[in-house]
Amino acid sequence: MIALHLDHARQLLNGYGLSELEKVVRKVEGLQESFQAQGRELKPRDIISRVRDIKTAAQARSVLALINDH
């Protein structure tokens, strides 16, 4: 499972500069806090529709995995 998360992180890092990745992660963290405050679960579809830099469900799942692992 950890290898899968590391692979997803590597894919994201290959597609983004570190500062861009950090911006995306912060946006998703903010969304997650907002959704949790409303008692809702943040899903990949929500991320895709609200974060312009995330285009696919795989990207959204990778960012969620990064956030939820730490």
PDB file of N, CA and C in Angstrom:
ATOM      1  N   MET A   1       0.826  -1.187   0.000  1.00  0.00           N
ATOM      2  CA  MET A   1       0.000   0.000   0.000  1.00  0.00           C
ATOM      3  C   MET A   1       0.876   1.260   0.000  1.00  0.00           C
ATOM      4  N   ILE A   2       1.926   1.244   0.813  1.00  0.00           N
ATOM      5  CA  ILE A   2       2.818   2.394   0.878  1.00  0.00           C
ATOM      6  C   ILE A   2       3.503   2.607  -0.466  1.00  0.00           C
ATOM      7  N   ALA A   3       3.878   1.512  -1.121  1.00  0.00           N
ATOM      8  CA  ALA A   3       4.527   1.626  -2.432  1.00  0.00           C
ATOM      9  C   ALA A   3       3.594   2.289  -3.435  1.00  0.00           C
ATOM     10  N   LEU A   4       2.322   1.978  -3.355  1.00  0.00           N
ATOM     11  CA  LEU A   4       1.337   2.591  -4.253  1.00  0.00           C
ATOM     12  C   LEU A   4       1.258   4.095  -4.011  1.00  0.00           C
ATOM     13  N   HIS A   5       1.236   4.502  -2.747  1.00  0.00           N
ATOM     14  CA  HIS A   5       1.179   5.924  -2.419  1.00  0.00           C
ATOM     15  C   HIS A   5       2.446   6.642  -2.890  1.00  0.00           C
ATOM     16  N   LEU A   6       3.582   5.998  -2.707  1.00  0.00           N
ATOM     17  CA  LEU A   6       4.831   6.601  -3.156  1.00  0.00           C
ATOM     18  C   LEU A   6       4.868   6.722  -4.674  1.00  0.00           C
ATOM     19  N   ASP A   7       4.318   5.717  -5.355  1.00  0.00           N
ATOM     20  CA  ASP A   7       4.254   5.778  -6.818  1.00  0.00           C
ATOM     21  C   ASP A   7       3.363   6.927  -7.266  1.00  0.00           C
ATOM     22  N   HIS A   8       2.231   7.105  -6.610  1.00  0.00           N
ATOM     23  CA  HIS A   8       1.337   8.217  -6.948  1.00  0.00           C
ATOM     24  C   HIS A   8       2.023   9.556  -6.686  1.00  0.00           C
ATOM     25  N   ALA A   9       2.731   9.650  -5.583  1.00  0.00           N
ATOM     26  CA  ALA A   9       3.446  10.889  -5.274  1.00  0.00           C
ATOM     27  C   ALA A   9       4.505  11.167  -6.337  1.00  0.00           C
ATOM     28  N   ARG A  10       5.211  10.130  -6.752  1.00  0.00           N
ATOM     29  CA  ARG A  10       6.235  10.288  -7.791  1.00  0.00           C
ATOM     30  C   ARG A  10       5.602  10.772  -9.092  1.00  0.00           C
ATOM     31  N   GLN A  11       4.448  10.218  -9.446  1.00  0.00           N
ATOM     32  CA  GLN A  11       3.755  10.646 -10.661  1.00  0.00           C
ATOM     33  C   GLN A  11       3.363  12.113 -10.572  1.00  0.00           C
ATOM     34  N   LEU A  12       2.869  12.529  -9.427  1.00  0.00           N
ATOM     35  CA  LEU A  12       2.494  13.929  -9.254  1.00  0.00           C
ATOM     36  C   LEU A  12       3.716  14.838  -9.350  1.00  0.00           C
ATOM     37  N   LEU A  13       4.802  14.417  -8.723  1.00  0.00           N
ATOM     38  CA  LEU A  13       6.005  15.240  -8.750  1.00  0.00           C
ATOM     39  C   LEU A  13       6.580  15.346 -10.157  1.00  0.00           C
ATOM     40  N   ASN A  14       6.407  14.312 -10.955  1.00  0.00           N
ATOM     41  CA  ASN A  14       6.878  14.370 -12.336  1.00  0.00           C
ATOM     42  C   ASN A  14       6.031  15.338 -13.160  1.00  0.00           C
ATOM     43  N   GLY A  15       4.767  15.489 -12.794  1.00  0.00           N
ATOM     44  CA  GLY A  15       3.864  16.358 -13.548  1.00  0.00           C
ATOM     45  C   GLY A  15       3.835  17.798 -13.055  1.00  0.00           C
ATOM     46  N   TYR A  16       4.283  18.041 -11.858  1.00  0.00           N
ATOM     47  CA  TYR A  16       4.221  19.367 -11.264  1.00  0.00           C
ATOM     48  C   TYR A  16       5.576  19.742 -10.695  1.00  0.00           C
ATOM     49  N   GLY A  17       5.848  21.027 -10.661  1.00  0.00           N
ATOM     50  CA  GLY A  17       6.982  21.498  -9.879  1.00  0.00           C
ATOM     51  C   GLY A  17       6.583  21.388  -8.418  1.00  0.00           C
ATOM     52  N   LEU A  18       7.538  21.324  -7.531  1.00  0.00           N
ATOM     53  CA  LEU A  18       7.217  21.141  -6.114  1.00  0.00           C
ATOM     54  C   LEU A  18       6.305  22.239  -5.595  1.00  0.00           C
ATOM     55  N   SER A  19       6.529  23.472  -5.988  1.00  0.00           N
ATOM     56  CA  SER A  19       5.687  24.553  -5.489  1.00  0.00           C
ATOM     57  C   SER A  19       4.258  24.424  -6.009  1.00  0.00           C
ATOM     58  N   GLU A  20       4.097  23.947  -7.235  1.00  0.00           N
ATOM     59  CA  GLU A  20       2.754  23.738  -7.779  1.00  0.00           C
ATOM     60  C   GLU A  20       2.047  22.618  -7.029  1.00  0.00           C
ATOM     61  N   LEU A  21       2.776  21.548  -6.741  1.00  0.00           N
ATOM     62  CA  LEU A  21       2.202  20.441  -5.989  1.00  0.00           C
ATOM     63  C   LEU A  21       1.775  20.908  -4.610  1.00  0.00           C
ATOM     64  N   GLU A  22       2.607  21.703  -3.975  1.00  0.00           N
ATOM     65  CA  GLU A  22       2.287  22.208  -2.646  1.00  0.00           C
ATOM     66  C   GLU A  22       1.005  23.046  -2.678  1.00  0.00           C
ATOM     67  N   LYS A  23       0.854  23.869  -3.712  1.00  0.00           N
ATOM     68  CA  LYS A  23      -0.362  24.682  -3.852  1.00  0.00           C
ATOM     69  C   LYS A  23      -1.591  23.798  -3.997  1.00  0.00           C
ATOM     70  N   VAL A  24      -1.480  22.761  -4.802  1.00  0.00           N
ATOM     71  CA  VAL A  24      -2.606  21.850  -5.017  1.00  0.00           C
ATOM     72  C   VAL A  24      -2.958  21.142  -3.718  1.00  0.00           C
ATOM     73  N   VAL A  25      -1.954  20.652  -3.020  1.00  0.00           N
ATOM     74  CA  VAL A  25      -2.196  19.944  -1.761  1.00  0.00           C
ATOM     75  C   VAL A  25      -2.880  20.873  -0.760  1.00  0.00           C
ATOM     76  N   ARG A  26      -2.432  22.113  -0.681  1.00  0.00           N
ATOM     77  CA  ARG A  26      -3.065  23.068   0.246  1.00  0.00           C
ATOM     78  C   ARG A  26      -4.516  23.336  -0.130  1.00  0.00           C
ATOM     79  N   LYS A  27      -4.799  23.447  -1.427  1.00  0.00           N
ATOM     80  CA  LYS A  27      -6.184  23.652  -1.863  1.00  0.00           C
ATOM     81  C   LYS A  27      -7.059  22.469  -1.452  1.00  0.00           C
ATOM     82  N   VAL A  28      -6.535  21.264  -1.657  1.00  0.00           N
ATOM     83  CA  VAL A  28      -7.301  20.068  -1.311  1.00  0.00           C
ATOM     84  C   VAL A  28      -7.464  19.948   0.198  1.00  0.00           C
ATOM     85  N   GLU A  29      -6.439  20.319   0.955  1.00  0.00           N
ATOM     86  CA  GLU A  29      -6.563  20.305   2.418  1.00  0.00           C
ATOM     87  C   GLU A  29      -7.664  21.261   2.869  1.00  0.00           C
ATOM     88  N   GLY A  30      -7.729  22.424   2.249  1.00  0.00           N
ATOM     89  CA  GLY A  30      -8.786  23.378   2.571  1.00  0.00           C
ATOM     90  C   GLY A  30     -10.162  22.829   2.245  1.00  0.00           C
ATOM     91  N   LEU A  31     -10.262  22.177   1.096  1.00  0.00           N
ATOM     92  CA  LEU A  31     -11.535  21.548   0.723  1.00  0.00           C
ATOM     93  C   LEU A  31     -11.920  20.476   1.725  1.00  0.00           C
ATOM     94  N   GLN A  32     -10.943  19.672   2.115  1.00  0.00           N
ATOM     95  CA  GLN A  32     -11.230  18.592   3.051  1.00  0.00           C
ATOM     96  C   GLN A  32     -11.721  19.148   4.383  1.00  0.00           C
ATOM     97  N   GLU A  33     -11.103  20.212   4.861  1.00  0.00           N
ATOM     98  CA  GLU A  33     -11.558  20.839   6.112  1.00  0.00           C
ATOM     99  C   GLU A  33     -12.983  21.354   5.975  1.00  0.00           C
ATOM    100  N   SER A  34     -13.277  21.975   4.850  1.00  0.00           N
ATOM    101  CA  SER A  34     -14.618  22.504   4.598  1.00  0.00           C
ATOM    102  C   SER A  34     -15.654  21.380   4.566  1.00  0.00           C
ATOM    103  N   PHE A  35     -15.322  20.309   3.877  1.00  0.00           N
ATOM    104  CA  PHE A  35     -16.251  19.184   3.777  1.00  0.00           C
ATOM    105  C   PHE A  35     -16.448  18.532   5.136  1.00  0.00           C
ATOM    106  N   GLN A  36     -15.360  18.364   5.907  1.00  0.00           N
ATOM    107  CA  GLN A  36     -15.479  17.762   7.233  1.00  0.00           C
ATOM    108  C   GLN A  36     -16.340  18.623   8.146  1.00  0.00           C
ATOM    109  N   ALA A  37     -16.233  19.940   8.025  1.00  0.00           N
ATOM    110  CA  ALA A  37     -17.044  20.845   8.840  1.00  0.00           C
ATOM    111  C   ALA A  37     -18.530  20.685   8.518  1.00  0.00           C
ATOM    112  N   GLN A  38     -18.812  20.293   7.279  1.00  0.00           N
ATOM    113  CA  GLN A  38     -20.196  20.072   6.851  1.00  0.00           C
ATOM    114  C   GLN A  38     -20.640  18.634   7.084  1.00  0.00           C
ATOM    115  N   GLY A  39     -19.728  17.794   7.603  1.00  0.00           N
ATOM    116  CA  GLY A  39     -20.061  16.398   7.850  1.00  0.00           C
ATOM    117  C   GLY A  39     -20.095  15.570   6.576  1.00  0.00           C
ATOM    118  N   ARG A  40     -19.389  16.026   5.543  1.00  0.00           N
ATOM    119  CA  ARG A  40     -19.371  15.316   4.258  1.00  0.00           C
ATOM    120  C   ARG A  40     -17.990  14.729   4.007  1.00  0.00           C
ATOM    121  N   GLU A  41     -17.957  13.699   3.177  1.00  0.00           N
ATOM    122  CA  GLU A  41     -16.697  13.077   2.788  1.00  0.00           C
ATOM    123  C   GLU A  41     -16.236  13.675   1.467  1.00  0.00           C
ATOM    124  N   LEU A  42     -14.987  14.075   1.399  1.00  0.00           N
ATOM    125  CA  LEU A  42     -14.417  14.625   0.173  1.00  0.00           C
ATOM    126  C   LEU A  42     -14.105  13.482  -0.781  1.00  0.00           C
ATOM    127  N   LYS A  43     -14.627  13.558  -1.985  1.00  0.00           N
ATOM    128  CA  LYS A  43     -14.436  12.511  -2.984  1.00  0.00           C
ATOM    129  C   LYS A  43     -13.649  13.070  -4.169  1.00  0.00           C
ATOM    130  N   PRO A  44     -13.014  12.189  -4.930  1.00  0.00           N
ATOM    131  CA  PRO A  44     -12.256  12.645  -6.100  1.00  0.00           C
ATOM    132  C   PRO A  44     -13.062  13.551  -7.029  1.00  0.00           C
ATOM    133  N   ARG A  45     -14.315  13.262  -7.215  1.00  0.00           N
ATOM    134  CA  ARG A  45     -15.164  14.081  -8.080  1.00  0.00           C
ATOM    135  C   ARG A  45     -15.244  15.526  -7.572  1.00  0.00           C
ATOM    136  N   ASP A  46     -15.331  15.685  -6.250  1.00  0.00           N
ATOM    137  CA  ASP A  46     -15.381  17.025  -5.656  1.00  0.00           C
ATOM    138  C   ASP A  46     -14.089  17.786  -5.917  1.00  0.00           C
ATOM    139  N   ILE A  47     -12.976  17.085  -5.808  1.00  0.00           N
ATOM    140  CA  ILE A  47     -11.667  17.717  -6.035  1.00  0.00           C
ATOM    141  C   ILE A  47     -11.539  18.150  -7.488  1.00  0.00           C
ATOM    142  N   ILE A  48     -11.912  17.272  -8.412  1.00  0.00           N
ATOM    143  CA  ILE A  48     -11.806  17.589  -9.840  1.00  0.00           C
ATOM    144  C   ILE A  48     -12.633  18.817 -10.182  1.00  0.00           C
ATOM    145  N   SER A  49     -13.812  18.924  -9.611  1.00  0.00           N
ATOM    146  CA  SER A  49     -14.687  20.048  -9.952  1.00  0.00           C
ATOM    147  C   SER A  49     -14.278  21.358  -9.273  1.00  0.00           C
ATOM    148  N   ARG A  50     -13.455  21.288  -8.215  1.00  0.00           N
ATOM    149  CA  ARG A  50     -13.124  22.509  -7.472  1.00  0.00           C
ATOM    150  C   ARG A  50     -11.660  22.933  -7.549  1.00  0.00           C
ATOM    151  N   VAL A  51     -10.776  22.040  -7.976  1.00  0.00           N
ATOM    152  CA  VAL A  51      -9.348  22.364  -8.079  1.00  0.00           C
ATOM    153  C   VAL A  51      -8.959  22.253  -9.553  1.00  0.00           C
ATOM    154  N   ARG A  52      -8.700  23.386 -10.152  1.00  0.00           N
ATOM    155  CA  ARG A  52      -8.455  23.450 -11.597  1.00  0.00           C
ATOM    156  C   ARG A  52      -7.285  22.587 -12.054  1.00  0.00           C
ATOM    157  N   ASP A  53      -6.255  22.459 -11.235  1.00  0.00           N
ATOM    158  CA  ASP A  53      -5.066  21.712 -11.623  1.00  0.00           C
ATOM    159  C   ASP A  53      -5.261  20.200 -11.621  1.00  0.00           C
ATOM    160  N   ILE A  54      -6.296  19.721 -10.977  1.00  0.00           N
ATOM    161  CA  ILE A  54      -6.575  18.286 -10.929  1.00  0.00           C
ATOM    162  C   ILE A  54      -7.555  17.956 -12.047  1.00  0.00           C
ATOM    163  N   LYS A  55      -7.111  17.081 -12.953  1.00  0.00           N
ATOM    164  CA  LYS A  55      -7.910  16.770 -14.139  1.00  0.00           C
ATOM    165  C   LYS A  55      -8.503  15.362 -14.122  1.00  0.00           C
ATOM    166  N   THR A  56      -7.878  14.451 -13.375  1.00  0.00           N
ATOM    167  CA  THR A  56      -8.337  13.058 -13.400  1.00  0.00           C
ATOM    168  C   THR A  56      -8.611  12.543 -11.994  1.00  0.00           C
ATOM    169  N   ALA A  57      -9.390  11.486 -11.928  1.00  0.00           N
ATOM    170  CA  ALA A  57      -9.683  10.859 -10.638  1.00  0.00           C
ATOM    171  C   ALA A  57      -8.412  10.288 -10.023  1.00  0.00           C
ATOM    172  N   ALA A  58      -7.504   9.791 -10.857  1.00  0.00           N
ATOM    173  CA  ALA A  58      -6.246   9.241 -10.337  1.00  0.00           C
ATOM    174  C   ALA A  58      -5.423  10.329  -9.642  1.00  0.00           C
ATOM    175  N   GLN A  59      -5.376  11.507 -10.223  1.00  0.00           N
ATOM    176  CA  GLN A  59      -4.664  12.616  -9.591  1.00  0.00           C
ATOM    177  C   GLN A  59      -5.331  12.985  -8.268  1.00  0.00           C
ATOM    178  N   ALA A  60      -6.647  13.048  -8.273  1.00  0.00           N
ATOM    179  CA  ALA A  60      -7.389  13.406  -7.059  1.00  0.00           C
ATOM    180  C   ALA A  60      -7.155  12.375  -5.964  1.00  0.00           C
ATOM    181  N   ARG A  61      -7.195  11.091  -6.319  1.00  0.00           N
ATOM    182  CA  ARG A  61      -6.955  10.037  -5.330  1.00  0.00           C
ATOM    183  C   ARG A  61      -5.527  10.108  -4.789  1.00  0.00           C
ATOM    184  N   SER A  62      -4.574  10.450  -5.639  1.00  0.00           N
ATOM    185  CA  SER A  62      -3.185  10.552  -5.198  1.00  0.00           C
ATOM    186  C   SER A  62      -3.012  11.668  -4.176  1.00  0.00           C
ATOM    187  N   VAL A  63      -3.619  12.809  -4.442  1.00  0.00           N
ATOM    188  CA  VAL A  63      -3.519  13.926  -3.490  1.00  0.00           C
ATOM    189  C   VAL A  63      -4.225  13.580  -2.187  1.00  0.00           C
ATOM    190  N   LEU A  64      -5.384  12.952  -2.273  1.00  0.00           N
ATOM    191  CA  LEU A  64      -6.082  12.525  -1.058  1.00  0.00           C
ATOM    192  C   LEU A  64      -5.228  11.548  -0.258  1.00  0.00           C
ATOM    193  N   ALA A  65      -4.564  10.635  -0.944  1.00  0.00           N
ATOM    194  CA  ALA A  65      -3.711   9.668  -0.265  1.00  0.00           C
ATOM    195  C   ALA A  65      -2.559  10.373   0.448  1.00  0.00           C
ATOM    196  N   LEU A  66      -1.970  11.362  -0.199  1.00  0.00           N
ATOM    197  CA  LEU A  66      -0.884  12.111   0.430  1.00  0.00           C
ATOM    198  C   LEU A  66      -1.364  12.832   1.683  1.00  0.00           C
ATOM    199  N   ILE A  67      -2.507  13.440   1.588  1.00  0.00           N
ATOM    200  CA  ILE A  67      -3.059  14.193   2.716  1.00  0.00           C
ATOM    201  C   ILE A  67      -3.441  13.268   3.870  1.00  0.00           C
ATOM    202  N   ASN A  68      -4.087  12.155   3.552  1.00  0.00           N
ATOM    203  CA  ASN A  68      -4.578  11.254   4.588  1.00  0.00           C
ATOM    204  C   ASN A  68      -3.484  10.438   5.241  1.00  0.00           C
ATOM    205  N   ASP A  69      -2.313  10.347   4.593  1.00  0.00           N
ATOM    206  CA  ASP A  69      -1.228   9.559   5.169  1.00  0.00           C
ATOM    207  C   ASP A  69      -0.444  10.304   6.227  1.00  0.00           C
ATOM    208  N   HIS A  70      -0.534  11.646   6.239  1.00  0.00           N
ATOM    209  CA  HIS A  70       0.226  12.355   7.284  1.00  0.00           C
ATOM    210  C   HIS A  70      -0.655  13.179   8.133  1.00  0.00           C
TER     211      HIS A  70
END
